[in-house]
Amino acid sequence: SEFLQFAQGKLDFLNSLDNSYKDE
């Protein structure tokens, strides 16, 4: 959910790399 919020521009940065989206 955090990643989707970031991809939509609702968060300004991500600090982690989770297995659920790392290859994406």
PDBML (XML) file of the C-alpha atoms, coordinates in Angstrom:
<?xml version="1.0" encoding="UTF-8" ?>
<PDBx:datablock datablockName="MODEL"
   xmlns:PDBx="http://pdbml.pdb.org/schema/pdbx-v50.xsd"
   xmlns:xsi="http://www.w3.org/2001/XMLSchema-instance"
   xsi:schemaLocation="http://pdbml.pdb.org/schema/pdbx-v50.xsd pdbx-v50.xsd">
   <PDBx:atom_siteCategory>
      <PDBx:atom_site id="1">
         <PDBx:B_iso_or_equiv>0.00</PDBx:B_iso_or_equiv>
         <PDBx:Cartn_x>0.000</PDBx:Cartn_x>
         <PDBx:Cartn_y>0.000</PDBx:Cartn_y>
         <PDBx:Cartn_z>0.000</PDBx:Cartn_z>
         <PDBx:auth_asym_id>A</PDBx:auth_asym_id>
         <PDBx:auth_atom_id>CA</PDBx:auth_atom_id>
         <PDBx:auth_comp_id>SER</PDBx:auth_comp_id>
         <PDBx:auth_seq_id>1</PDBx:auth_seq_id>
         <PDBx:group_PDB>ATOM</PDBx:group_PDB>
         <PDBx:label_alt_id xsi:nil="true" />
         <PDBx:label_asym_id>A</PDBx:label_asym_id>
         <PDBx:label_atom_id>CA</PDBx:label_atom_id>
         <PDBx:label_comp_id>SER</PDBx:label_comp_id>
         <PDBx:label_entity_id>1</PDBx:label_entity_id>
         <PDBx:label_seq_id>1</PDBx:label_seq_id>
         <PDBx:occupancy>1.00</PDBx:occupancy>
         <PDBx:pdbx_PDB_model_num>1</PDBx:pdbx_PDB_model_num>
         <PDBx:type_symbol>C</PDBx:type_symbol>
      </PDBx:atom_site>
      <PDBx:atom_site id="2">
         <PDBx:B_iso_or_equiv>0.00</PDBx:B_iso_or_equiv>
         <PDBx:Cartn_x>2.882</PDBx:Cartn_x>
         <PDBx:Cartn_y>2.329</PDBx:Cartn_y>
         <PDBx:Cartn_z>0.827</PDBx:Cartn_z>
         <PDBx:auth_asym_id>A</PDBx:auth_asym_id>
         <PDBx:auth_atom_id>CA</PDBx:auth_atom_id>
         <PDBx:auth_comp_id>GLU</PDBx:auth_comp_id>
         <PDBx:auth_seq_id>2</PDBx:auth_seq_id>
         <PDBx:group_PDB>ATOM</PDBx:group_PDB>
         <PDBx:label_alt_id xsi:nil="true" />
         <PDBx:label_asym_id>A</PDBx:label_asym_id>
         <PDBx:label_atom_id>CA</PDBx:label_atom_id>
         <PDBx:label_comp_id>GLU</PDBx:label_comp_id>
         <PDBx:label_entity_id>1</PDBx:label_entity_id>
         <PDBx:label_seq_id>2</PDBx:label_seq_id>
         <PDBx:occupancy>1.00</PDBx:occupancy>
         <PDBx:pdbx_PDB_model_num>1</PDBx:pdbx_PDB_model_num>
         <PDBx:type_symbol>C</PDBx:type_symbol>
      </PDBx:atom_site>
      <PDBx:atom_site id="3">
         <PDBx:B_iso_or_equiv>0.00</PDBx:B_iso_or_equiv>
         <PDBx:Cartn_x>4.437</PDBx:Cartn_x>
         <PDBx:Cartn_y>1.642</PDBx:Cartn_y>
         <PDBx:Cartn_z>-2.573</PDBx:Cartn_z>
         <PDBx:auth_asym_id>A</PDBx:auth_asym_id>
         <PDBx:auth_atom_id>CA</PDBx:auth_atom_id>
         <PDBx:auth_comp_id>PHE</PDBx:auth_comp_id>
         <PDBx:auth_seq_id>3</PDBx:auth_seq_id>
         <PDBx:group_PDB>ATOM</PDBx:group_PDB>
         <PDBx:label_alt_id xsi:nil="true" />
         <PDBx:label_asym_id>A</PDBx:label_asym_id>
         <PDBx:label_atom_id>CA</PDBx:label_atom_id>
         <PDBx:label_comp_id>PHE</PDBx:label_comp_id>
         <PDBx:label_entity_id>1</PDBx:label_entity_id>
         <PDBx:label_seq_id>3</PDBx:label_seq_id>
         <PDBx:occupancy>1.00</PDBx:occupancy>
         <PDBx:pdbx_PDB_model_num>1</PDBx:pdbx_PDB_model_num>
         <PDBx:type_symbol>C</PDBx:type_symbol>
      </PDBx:atom_site>
      <PDBx:atom_site id="4">
         <PDBx:B_iso_or_equiv>0.00</PDBx:B_iso_or_equiv>
         <PDBx:Cartn_x>1.167</PDBx:Cartn_x>
         <PDBx:Cartn_y>2.354</PDBx:Cartn_y>
         <PDBx:Cartn_z>-4.386</PDBx:Cartn_z>
         <PDBx:auth_asym_id>A</PDBx:auth_asym_id>
         <PDBx:auth_atom_id>CA</PDBx:auth_atom_id>
         <PDBx:auth_comp_id>LEU</PDBx:auth_comp_id>
         <PDBx:auth_seq_id>4</PDBx:auth_seq_id>
         <PDBx:group_PDB>ATOM</PDBx:group_PDB>
         <PDBx:label_alt_id xsi:nil="true" />
         <PDBx:label_asym_id>A</PDBx:label_asym_id>
         <PDBx:label_atom_id>CA</PDBx:label_atom_id>
         <PDBx:label_comp_id>LEU</PDBx:label_comp_id>
         <PDBx:label_entity_id>1</PDBx:label_entity_id>
         <PDBx:label_seq_id>4</PDBx:label_seq_id>
         <PDBx:occupancy>1.00</PDBx:occupancy>
         <PDBx:pdbx_PDB_model_num>1</PDBx:pdbx_PDB_model_num>
         <PDBx:type_symbol>C</PDBx:type_symbol>
      </PDBx:atom_site>
      <PDBx:atom_site id="5">
         <PDBx:B_iso_or_equiv>0.00</PDBx:B_iso_or_equiv>
         <PDBx:Cartn_x>0.776</PDBx:Cartn_x>
         <PDBx:Cartn_y>5.663</PDBx:Cartn_y>
         <PDBx:Cartn_z>-2.531</PDBx:Cartn_z>
         <PDBx:auth_asym_id>A</PDBx:auth_asym_id>
         <PDBx:auth_atom_id>CA</PDBx:auth_atom_id>
         <PDBx:auth_comp_id>GLN</PDBx:auth_comp_id>
         <PDBx:auth_seq_id>5</PDBx:auth_seq_id>
         <PDBx:group_PDB>ATOM</PDBx:group_PDB>
         <PDBx:label_alt_id xsi:nil="true" />
         <PDBx:label_asym_id>A</PDBx:label_asym_id>
         <PDBx:label_atom_id>CA</PDBx:label_atom_id>
         <PDBx:label_comp_id>GLN</PDBx:label_comp_id>
         <PDBx:label_entity_id>1</PDBx:label_entity_id>
         <PDBx:label_seq_id>5</PDBx:label_seq_id>
         <PDBx:occupancy>1.00</PDBx:occupancy>
         <PDBx:pdbx_PDB_model_num>1</PDBx:pdbx_PDB_model_num>
         <PDBx:type_symbol>C</PDBx:type_symbol>
      </PDBx:atom_site>
      <PDBx:atom_site id="6">
         <PDBx:B_iso_or_equiv>0.00</PDBx:B_iso_or_equiv>
         <PDBx:Cartn_x>4.305</PDBx:Cartn_x>
         <PDBx:Cartn_y>6.608</PDBx:Cartn_y>
         <PDBx:Cartn_z>-3.585</PDBx:Cartn_z>
         <PDBx:auth_asym_id>A</PDBx:auth_asym_id>
         <PDBx:auth_atom_id>CA</PDBx:auth_atom_id>
         <PDBx:auth_comp_id>PHE</PDBx:auth_comp_id>
         <PDBx:auth_seq_id>6</PDBx:auth_seq_id>
         <PDBx:group_PDB>ATOM</PDBx:group_PDB>
         <PDBx:label_alt_id xsi:nil="true" />
         <PDBx:label_asym_id>A</PDBx:label_asym_id>
         <PDBx:label_atom_id>CA</PDBx:label_atom_id>
         <PDBx:label_comp_id>PHE</PDBx:label_comp_id>
         <PDBx:label_entity_id>1</PDBx:label_entity_id>
         <PDBx:label_seq_id>6</PDBx:label_seq_id>
         <PDBx:occupancy>1.00</PDBx:occupancy>
         <PDBx:pdbx_PDB_model_num>1</PDBx:pdbx_PDB_model_num>
         <PDBx:type_symbol>C</PDBx:type_symbol>
      </PDBx:atom_site>
      <PDBx:atom_site id="7">
         <PDBx:B_iso_or_equiv>0.00</PDBx:B_iso_or_equiv>
         <PDBx:Cartn_x>3.717</PDBx:Cartn_x>
         <PDBx:Cartn_y>5.595</PDBx:Cartn_y>
         <PDBx:Cartn_z>-7.216</PDBx:Cartn_z>
         <PDBx:auth_asym_id>A</PDBx:auth_asym_id>
         <PDBx:auth_atom_id>CA</PDBx:auth_atom_id>
         <PDBx:auth_comp_id>ALA</PDBx:auth_comp_id>
         <PDBx:auth_seq_id>7</PDBx:auth_seq_id>
         <PDBx:group_PDB>ATOM</PDBx:group_PDB>
         <PDBx:label_alt_id xsi:nil="true" />
         <PDBx:label_asym_id>A</PDBx:label_asym_id>
         <PDBx:label_atom_id>CA</PDBx:label_atom_id>
         <PDBx:label_comp_id>ALA</PDBx:label_comp_id>
         <PDBx:label_entity_id>1</PDBx:label_entity_id>
         <PDBx:label_seq_id>7</PDBx:label_seq_id>
         <PDBx:occupancy>1.00</PDBx:occupancy>
         <PDBx:pdbx_PDB_model_num>1</PDBx:pdbx_PDB_model_num>
         <PDBx:type_symbol>C</PDBx:type_symbol>
      </PDBx:atom_site>
      <PDBx:atom_site id="8">
         <PDBx:B_iso_or_equiv>0.00</PDBx:B_iso_or_equiv>
         <PDBx:Cartn_x>0.576</PDBx:Cartn_x>
         <PDBx:Cartn_y>7.777</PDBx:Cartn_y>
         <PDBx:Cartn_z>-7.232</PDBx:Cartn_z>
         <PDBx:auth_asym_id>A</PDBx:auth_asym_id>
         <PDBx:auth_atom_id>CA</PDBx:auth_atom_id>
         <PDBx:auth_comp_id>GLN</PDBx:auth_comp_id>
         <PDBx:auth_seq_id>8</PDBx:auth_seq_id>
         <PDBx:group_PDB>ATOM</PDBx:group_PDB>
         <PDBx:label_alt_id xsi:nil="true" />
         <PDBx:label_asym_id>A</PDBx:label_asym_id>
         <PDBx:label_atom_id>CA</PDBx:label_atom_id>
         <PDBx:label_comp_id>GLN</PDBx:label_comp_id>
         <PDBx:label_entity_id>1</PDBx:label_entity_id>
         <PDBx:label_seq_id>8</PDBx:label_seq_id>
         <PDBx:occupancy>1.00</PDBx:occupancy>
         <PDBx:pdbx_PDB_model_num>1</PDBx:pdbx_PDB_model_num>
         <PDBx:type_symbol>C</PDBx:type_symbol>
      </PDBx:atom_site>
      <PDBx:atom_site id="9">
         <PDBx:B_iso_or_equiv>0.00</PDBx:B_iso_or_equiv>
         <PDBx:Cartn_x>2.541</PDBx:Cartn_x>
         <PDBx:Cartn_y>10.790</PDBx:Cartn_y>
         <PDBx:Cartn_z>-5.969</PDBx:Cartn_z>
         <PDBx:auth_asym_id>A</PDBx:auth_asym_id>
         <PDBx:auth_atom_id>CA</PDBx:auth_atom_id>
         <PDBx:auth_comp_id>GLY</PDBx:auth_comp_id>
         <PDBx:auth_seq_id>9</PDBx:auth_seq_id>
         <PDBx:group_PDB>ATOM</PDBx:group_PDB>
         <PDBx:label_alt_id xsi:nil="true" />
         <PDBx:label_asym_id>A</PDBx:label_asym_id>
         <PDBx:label_atom_id>CA</PDBx:label_atom_id>
         <PDBx:label_comp_id>GLY</PDBx:label_comp_id>
         <PDBx:label_entity_id>1</PDBx:label_entity_id>
         <PDBx:label_seq_id>9</PDBx:label_seq_id>
         <PDBx:occupancy>1.00</PDBx:occupancy>
         <PDBx:pdbx_PDB_model_num>1</PDBx:pdbx_PDB_model_num>
         <PDBx:type_symbol>C</PDBx:type_symbol>
      </PDBx:atom_site>
      <PDBx:atom_site id="10">
         <PDBx:B_iso_or_equiv>0.00</PDBx:B_iso_or_equiv>
         <PDBx:Cartn_x>0.871</PDBx:Cartn_x>
         <PDBx:Cartn_y>10.847</PDBx:Cartn_y>
         <PDBx:Cartn_z>-2.551</PDBx:Cartn_z>
         <PDBx:auth_asym_id>A</PDBx:auth_asym_id>
         <PDBx:auth_atom_id>CA</PDBx:auth_atom_id>
         <PDBx:auth_comp_id>LYS</PDBx:auth_comp_id>
         <PDBx:auth_seq_id>10</PDBx:auth_seq_id>
         <PDBx:group_PDB>ATOM</PDBx:group_PDB>
         <PDBx:label_alt_id xsi:nil="true" />
         <PDBx:label_asym_id>A</PDBx:label_asym_id>
         <PDBx:label_atom_id>CA</PDBx:label_atom_id>
         <PDBx:label_comp_id>LYS</PDBx:label_comp_id>
         <PDBx:label_entity_id>1</PDBx:label_entity_id>
         <PDBx:label_seq_id>10</PDBx:label_seq_id>
         <PDBx:occupancy>1.00</PDBx:occupancy>
         <PDBx:pdbx_PDB_model_num>1</PDBx:pdbx_PDB_model_num>
         <PDBx:type_symbol>C</PDBx:type_symbol>
      </PDBx:atom_site>
      <PDBx:atom_site id="11">
         <PDBx:B_iso_or_equiv>0.00</PDBx:B_iso_or_equiv>
         <PDBx:Cartn_x>4.169</PDBx:Cartn_x>
         <PDBx:Cartn_y>10.175</PDBx:Cartn_y>
         <PDBx:Cartn_z>-0.752</PDBx:Cartn_z>
         <PDBx:auth_asym_id>A</PDBx:auth_asym_id>
         <PDBx:auth_atom_id>CA</PDBx:auth_atom_id>
         <PDBx:auth_comp_id>LEU</PDBx:auth_comp_id>
         <PDBx:auth_seq_id>11</PDBx:auth_seq_id>
         <PDBx:group_PDB>ATOM</PDBx:group_PDB>
         <PDBx:label_alt_id xsi:nil="true" />
         <PDBx:label_asym_id>A</PDBx:label_asym_id>
         <PDBx:label_atom_id>CA</PDBx:label_atom_id>
         <PDBx:label_comp_id>LEU</PDBx:label_comp_id>
         <PDBx:label_entity_id>1</PDBx:label_entity_id>
         <PDBx:label_seq_id>11</PDBx:label_seq_id>
         <PDBx:occupancy>1.00</PDBx:occupancy>
         <PDBx:pdbx_PDB_model_num>1</PDBx:pdbx_PDB_model_num>
         <PDBx:type_symbol>C</PDBx:type_symbol>
      </PDBx:atom_site>
      <PDBx:atom_site id="12">
         <PDBx:B_iso_or_equiv>0.00</PDBx:B_iso_or_equiv>
         <PDBx:Cartn_x>7.382</PDBx:Cartn_x>
         <PDBx:Cartn_y>12.036</PDBx:Cartn_y>
         <PDBx:Cartn_z>-1.548</PDBx:Cartn_z>
         <PDBx:auth_asym_id>A</PDBx:auth_asym_id>
         <PDBx:auth_atom_id>CA</PDBx:auth_atom_id>
         <PDBx:auth_comp_id>ASP</PDBx:auth_comp_id>
         <PDBx:auth_seq_id>12</PDBx:auth_seq_id>
         <PDBx:group_PDB>ATOM</PDBx:group_PDB>
         <PDBx:label_alt_id xsi:nil="true" />
         <PDBx:label_asym_id>A</PDBx:label_asym_id>
         <PDBx:label_atom_id>CA</PDBx:label_atom_id>
         <PDBx:label_comp_id>ASP</PDBx:label_comp_id>
         <PDBx:label_entity_id>1</PDBx:label_entity_id>
         <PDBx:label_seq_id>12</PDBx:label_seq_id>
         <PDBx:occupancy>1.00</PDBx:occupancy>
         <PDBx:pdbx_PDB_model_num>1</PDBx:pdbx_PDB_model_num>
         <PDBx:type_symbol>C</PDBx:type_symbol>
      </PDBx:atom_site>
      <PDBx:atom_site id="13">
         <PDBx:B_iso_or_equiv>0.00</PDBx:B_iso_or_equiv>
         <PDBx:Cartn_x>9.825</PDBx:Cartn_x>
         <PDBx:Cartn_y>9.209</PDBx:Cartn_y>
         <PDBx:Cartn_z>-0.954</PDBx:Cartn_z>
         <PDBx:auth_asym_id>A</PDBx:auth_asym_id>
         <PDBx:auth_atom_id>CA</PDBx:auth_atom_id>
         <PDBx:auth_comp_id>PHE</PDBx:auth_comp_id>
         <PDBx:auth_seq_id>13</PDBx:auth_seq_id>
         <PDBx:group_PDB>ATOM</PDBx:group_PDB>
         <PDBx:label_alt_id xsi:nil="true" />
         <PDBx:label_asym_id>A</PDBx:label_asym_id>
         <PDBx:label_atom_id>CA</PDBx:label_atom_id>
         <PDBx:label_comp_id>PHE</PDBx:label_comp_id>
         <PDBx:label_entity_id>1</PDBx:label_entity_id>
         <PDBx:label_seq_id>13</PDBx:label_seq_id>
         <PDBx:occupancy>1.00</PDBx:occupancy>
         <PDBx:pdbx_PDB_model_num>1</PDBx:pdbx_PDB_model_num>
         <PDBx:type_symbol>C</PDBx:type_symbol>
      </PDBx:atom_site>
      <PDBx:atom_site id="14">
         <PDBx:B_iso_or_equiv>0.00</PDBx:B_iso_or_equiv>
         <PDBx:Cartn_x>10.268</PDBx:Cartn_x>
         <PDBx:Cartn_y>5.548</PDBx:Cartn_y>
         <PDBx:Cartn_z>-0.103</PDBx:Cartn_z>
         <PDBx:auth_asym_id>A</PDBx:auth_asym_id>
         <PDBx:auth_atom_id>CA</PDBx:auth_atom_id>
         <PDBx:auth_comp_id>LEU</PDBx:auth_comp_id>
         <PDBx:auth_seq_id>14</PDBx:auth_seq_id>
         <PDBx:group_PDB>ATOM</PDBx:group_PDB>
         <PDBx:label_alt_id xsi:nil="true" />
         <PDBx:label_asym_id>A</PDBx:label_asym_id>
         <PDBx:label_atom_id>CA</PDBx:label_atom_id>
         <PDBx:label_comp_id>LEU</PDBx:label_comp_id>
         <PDBx:label_entity_id>1</PDBx:label_entity_id>
         <PDBx:label_seq_id>14</PDBx:label_seq_id>
         <PDBx:occupancy>1.00</PDBx:occupancy>
         <PDBx:pdbx_PDB_model_num>1</PDBx:pdbx_PDB_model_num>
         <PDBx:type_symbol>C</PDBx:type_symbol>
      </PDBx:atom_site>
      <PDBx:atom_site id="15">
         <PDBx:B_iso_or_equiv>0.00</PDBx:B_iso_or_equiv>
         <PDBx:Cartn_x>13.081</PDBx:Cartn_x>
         <PDBx:Cartn_y>4.363</PDBx:Cartn_y>
         <PDBx:Cartn_z>2.115</PDBx:Cartn_z>
         <PDBx:auth_asym_id>A</PDBx:auth_asym_id>
         <PDBx:auth_atom_id>CA</PDBx:auth_atom_id>
         <PDBx:auth_comp_id>ASN</PDBx:auth_comp_id>
         <PDBx:auth_seq_id>15</PDBx:auth_seq_id>
         <PDBx:group_PDB>ATOM</PDBx:group_PDB>
         <PDBx:label_alt_id xsi:nil="true" />
         <PDBx:label_asym_id>A</PDBx:label_asym_id>
         <PDBx:label_atom_id>CA</PDBx:label_atom_id>
         <PDBx:label_comp_id>ASN</PDBx:label_comp_id>
         <PDBx:label_entity_id>1</PDBx:label_entity_id>
         <PDBx:label_seq_id>15</PDBx:label_seq_id>
         <PDBx:occupancy>1.00</PDBx:occupancy>
         <PDBx:pdbx_PDB_model_num>1</PDBx:pdbx_PDB_model_num>
         <PDBx:type_symbol>C</PDBx:type_symbol>
      </PDBx:atom_site>
      <PDBx:atom_site id="16">
         <PDBx:B_iso_or_equiv>0.00</PDBx:B_iso_or_equiv>
         <PDBx:Cartn_x>12.689</PDBx:Cartn_x>
         <PDBx:Cartn_y>0.609</PDBx:Cartn_y>
         <PDBx:Cartn_z>1.915</PDBx:Cartn_z>
         <PDBx:auth_asym_id>A</PDBx:auth_asym_id>
         <PDBx:auth_atom_id>CA</PDBx:auth_atom_id>
         <PDBx:auth_comp_id>SER</PDBx:auth_comp_id>
         <PDBx:auth_seq_id>16</PDBx:auth_seq_id>
         <PDBx:group_PDB>ATOM</PDBx:group_PDB>
         <PDBx:label_alt_id xsi:nil="true" />
         <PDBx:label_asym_id>A</PDBx:label_asym_id>
         <PDBx:label_atom_id>CA</PDBx:label_atom_id>
         <PDBx:label_comp_id>SER</PDBx:label_comp_id>
         <PDBx:label_entity_id>1</PDBx:label_entity_id>
         <PDBx:label_seq_id>16</PDBx:label_seq_id>
         <PDBx:occupancy>1.00</PDBx:occupancy>
         <PDBx:pdbx_PDB_model_num>1</PDBx:pdbx_PDB_model_num>
         <PDBx:type_symbol>C</PDBx:type_symbol>
      </PDBx:atom_site>
      <PDBx:atom_site id="17">
         <PDBx:B_iso_or_equiv>0.00</PDBx:B_iso_or_equiv>
         <PDBx:Cartn_x>12.921</PDBx:Cartn_x>
         <PDBx:Cartn_y>-2.141</PDBx:Cartn_y>
         <PDBx:Cartn_z>-0.671</PDBx:Cartn_z>
         <PDBx:auth_asym_id>A</PDBx:auth_asym_id>
         <PDBx:auth_atom_id>CA</PDBx:auth_atom_id>
         <PDBx:auth_comp_id>LEU</PDBx:auth_comp_id>
         <PDBx:auth_seq_id>17</PDBx:auth_seq_id>
         <PDBx:group_PDB>ATOM</PDBx:group_PDB>
         <PDBx:label_alt_id xsi:nil="true" />
         <PDBx:label_asym_id>A</PDBx:label_asym_id>
         <PDBx:label_atom_id>CA</PDBx:label_atom_id>
         <PDBx:label_comp_id>LEU</PDBx:label_comp_id>
         <PDBx:label_entity_id>1</PDBx:label_entity_id>
         <PDBx:label_seq_id>17</PDBx:label_seq_id>
         <PDBx:occupancy>1.00</PDBx:occupancy>
         <PDBx:pdbx_PDB_model_num>1</PDBx:pdbx_PDB_model_num>
         <PDBx:type_symbol>C</PDBx:type_symbol>
      </PDBx:atom_site>
      <PDBx:atom_site id="18">
         <PDBx:B_iso_or_equiv>0.00</PDBx:B_iso_or_equiv>
         <PDBx:Cartn_x>10.371</PDBx:Cartn_x>
         <PDBx:Cartn_y>-4.849</PDBx:Cartn_y>
         <PDBx:Cartn_z>0.003</PDBx:Cartn_z>
         <PDBx:auth_asym_id>A</PDBx:auth_asym_id>
         <PDBx:auth_atom_id>CA</PDBx:auth_atom_id>
         <PDBx:auth_comp_id>ASP</PDBx:auth_comp_id>
         <PDBx:auth_seq_id>18</PDBx:auth_seq_id>
         <PDBx:group_PDB>ATOM</PDBx:group_PDB>
         <PDBx:label_alt_id xsi:nil="true" />
         <PDBx:label_asym_id>A</PDBx:label_asym_id>
         <PDBx:label_atom_id>CA</PDBx:label_atom_id>
         <PDBx:label_comp_id>ASP</PDBx:label_comp_id>
         <PDBx:label_entity_id>1</PDBx:label_entity_id>
         <PDBx:label_seq_id>18</PDBx:label_seq_id>
         <PDBx:occupancy>1.00</PDBx:occupancy>
         <PDBx:pdbx_PDB_model_num>1</PDBx:pdbx_PDB_model_num>
         <PDBx:type_symbol>C</PDBx:type_symbol>
      </PDBx:atom_site>
      <PDBx:atom_site id="19">
         <PDBx:B_iso_or_equiv>0.00</PDBx:B_iso_or_equiv>
         <PDBx:Cartn_x>10.316</PDBx:Cartn_x>
         <PDBx:Cartn_y>-8.207</PDBx:Cartn_y>
         <PDBx:Cartn_z>-1.768</PDBx:Cartn_z>
         <PDBx:auth_asym_id>A</PDBx:auth_asym_id>
         <PDBx:auth_atom_id>CA</PDBx:auth_atom_id>
         <PDBx:auth_comp_id>ASN</PDBx:auth_comp_id>
         <PDBx:auth_seq_id>19</PDBx:auth_seq_id>
         <PDBx:group_PDB>ATOM</PDBx:group_PDB>
         <PDBx:label_alt_id xsi:nil="true" />
         <PDBx:label_asym_id>A</PDBx:label_asym_id>
         <PDBx:label_atom_id>CA</PDBx:label_atom_id>
         <PDBx:label_comp_id>ASN</PDBx:label_comp_id>
         <PDBx:label_entity_id>1</PDBx:label_entity_id>
         <PDBx:label_seq_id>19</PDBx:label_seq_id>
         <PDBx:occupancy>1.00</PDBx:occupancy>
         <PDBx:pdbx_PDB_model_num>1</PDBx:pdbx_PDB_model_num>
         <PDBx:type_symbol>C</PDBx:type_symbol>
      </PDBx:atom_site>
      <PDBx:atom_site id="20">
         <PDBx:B_iso_or_equiv>0.00</PDBx:B_iso_or_equiv>
         <PDBx:Cartn_x>6.727</PDBx:Cartn_x>
         <PDBx:Cartn_y>-7.529</PDBx:Cartn_y>
         <PDBx:Cartn_z>-2.814</PDBx:Cartn_z>
         <PDBx:auth_asym_id>A</PDBx:auth_asym_id>
         <PDBx:auth_atom_id>CA</PDBx:auth_atom_id>
         <PDBx:auth_comp_id>SER</PDBx:auth_comp_id>
         <PDBx:auth_seq_id>20</PDBx:auth_seq_id>
         <PDBx:group_PDB>ATOM</PDBx:group_PDB>
         <PDBx:label_alt_id xsi:nil="true" />
         <PDBx:label_asym_id>A</PDBx:label_asym_id>
         <PDBx:label_atom_id>CA</PDBx:label_atom_id>
         <PDBx:label_comp_id>SER</PDBx:label_comp_id>
         <PDBx:label_entity_id>1</PDBx:label_entity_id>
         <PDBx:label_seq_id>20</PDBx:label_seq_id>
         <PDBx:occupancy>1.00</PDBx:occupancy>
         <PDBx:pdbx_PDB_model_num>1</PDBx:pdbx_PDB_model_num>
         <PDBx:type_symbol>C</PDBx:type_symbol>
      </PDBx:atom_site>
      <PDBx:atom_site id="21">
         <PDBx:B_iso_or_equiv>0.00</PDBx:B_iso_or_equiv>
         <PDBx:Cartn_x>7.785</PDBx:Cartn_x>
         <PDBx:Cartn_y>-4.784</PDBx:Cartn_y>
         <PDBx:Cartn_z>-5.244</PDBx:Cartn_z>
         <PDBx:auth_asym_id>A</PDBx:auth_asym_id>
         <PDBx:auth_atom_id>CA</PDBx:auth_atom_id>
         <PDBx:auth_comp_id>TYR</PDBx:auth_comp_id>
         <PDBx:auth_seq_id>21</PDBx:auth_seq_id>
         <PDBx:group_PDB>ATOM</PDBx:group_PDB>
         <PDBx:label_alt_id xsi:nil="true" />
         <PDBx:label_asym_id>A</PDBx:label_asym_id>
         <PDBx:label_atom_id>CA</PDBx:label_atom_id>
         <PDBx:label_comp_id>TYR</PDBx:label_comp_id>
         <PDBx:label_entity_id>1</PDBx:label_entity_id>
         <PDBx:label_seq_id>21</PDBx:label_seq_id>
         <PDBx:occupancy>1.00</PDBx:occupancy>
         <PDBx:pdbx_PDB_model_num>1</PDBx:pdbx_PDB_model_num>
         <PDBx:type_symbol>C</PDBx:type_symbol>
      </PDBx:atom_site>
      <PDBx:atom_site id="22">
         <PDBx:B_iso_or_equiv>0.00</PDBx:B_iso_or_equiv>
         <PDBx:Cartn_x>11.594</PDBx:Cartn_x>
         <PDBx:Cartn_y>-4.845</PDBx:Cartn_y>
         <PDBx:Cartn_z>-5.560</PDBx:Cartn_z>
         <PDBx:auth_asym_id>A</PDBx:auth_asym_id>
         <PDBx:auth_atom_id>CA</PDBx:auth_atom_id>
         <PDBx:auth_comp_id>LYS</PDBx:auth_comp_id>
         <PDBx:auth_seq_id>22</PDBx:auth_seq_id>
         <PDBx:group_PDB>ATOM</PDBx:group_PDB>
         <PDBx:label_alt_id xsi:nil="true" />
         <PDBx:label_asym_id>A</PDBx:label_asym_id>
         <PDBx:label_atom_id>CA</PDBx:label_atom_id>
         <PDBx:label_comp_id>LYS</PDBx:label_comp_id>
         <PDBx:label_entity_id>1</PDBx:label_entity_id>
         <PDBx:label_seq_id>22</PDBx:label_seq_id>
         <PDBx:occupancy>1.00</PDBx:occupancy>
         <PDBx:pdbx_PDB_model_num>1</PDBx:pdbx_PDB_model_num>
         <PDBx:type_symbol>C</PDBx:type_symbol>
      </PDBx:atom_site>
      <PDBx:atom_site id="23">
         <PDBx:B_iso_or_equiv>0.00</PDBx:B_iso_or_equiv>
         <PDBx:Cartn_x>11.523</PDBx:Cartn_x>
         <PDBx:Cartn_y>-6.368</PDBx:Cartn_y>
         <PDBx:Cartn_z>-9.069</PDBx:Cartn_z>
         <PDBx:auth_asym_id>A</PDBx:auth_asym_id>
         <PDBx:auth_atom_id>CA</PDBx:auth_atom_id>
         <PDBx:auth_comp_id>ASP</PDBx:auth_comp_id>
         <PDBx:auth_seq_id>23</PDBx:auth_seq_id>
         <PDBx:group_PDB>ATOM</PDBx:group_PDB>
         <PDBx:label_alt_id xsi:nil="true" />
         <PDBx:label_asym_id>A</PDBx:label_asym_id>
         <PDBx:label_atom_id>CA</PDBx:label_atom_id>
         <PDBx:label_comp_id>ASP</PDBx:label_comp_id>
         <PDBx:label_entity_id>1</PDBx:label_entity_id>
         <PDBx:label_seq_id>23</PDBx:label_seq_id>
         <PDBx:occupancy>1.00</PDBx:occupancy>
         <PDBx:pdbx_PDB_model_num>1</PDBx:pdbx_PDB_model_num>
         <PDBx:type_symbol>C</PDBx:type_symbol>
      </PDBx:atom_site>
      <PDBx:atom_site id="24">
         <PDBx:B_iso_or_equiv>0.00</PDBx:B_iso_or_equiv>
         <PDBx:Cartn_x>8.829</PDBx:Cartn_x>
         <PDBx:Cartn_y>-3.895</PDBx:Cartn_y>
         <PDBx:Cartn_z>-10.113</PDBx:Cartn_z>
         <PDBx:auth_asym_id>A</PDBx:auth_asym_id>
         <PDBx:auth_atom_id>CA</PDBx:auth_atom_id>
         <PDBx:auth_comp_id>GLU</PDBx:auth_comp_id>
         <PDBx:auth_seq_id>24</PDBx:auth_seq_id>
         <PDBx:group_PDB>ATOM</PDBx:group_PDB>
         <PDBx:label_alt_id xsi:nil="true" />
         <PDBx:label_asym_id>A</PDBx:label_asym_id>
         <PDBx:label_atom_id>CA</PDBx:label_atom_id>
         <PDBx:label_comp_id>GLU</PDBx:label_comp_id>
         <PDBx:label_entity_id>1</PDBx:label_entity_id>
         <PDBx:label_seq_id>24</PDBx:label_seq_id>
         <PDBx:occupancy>1.00</PDBx:occupancy>
         <PDBx:pdbx_PDB_model_num>1</PDBx:pdbx_PDB_model_num>
         <PDBx:type_symbol>C</PDBx:type_symbol>
      </PDBx:atom_site>
   </PDBx:atom_siteCategory>
</PDBx:datablock>
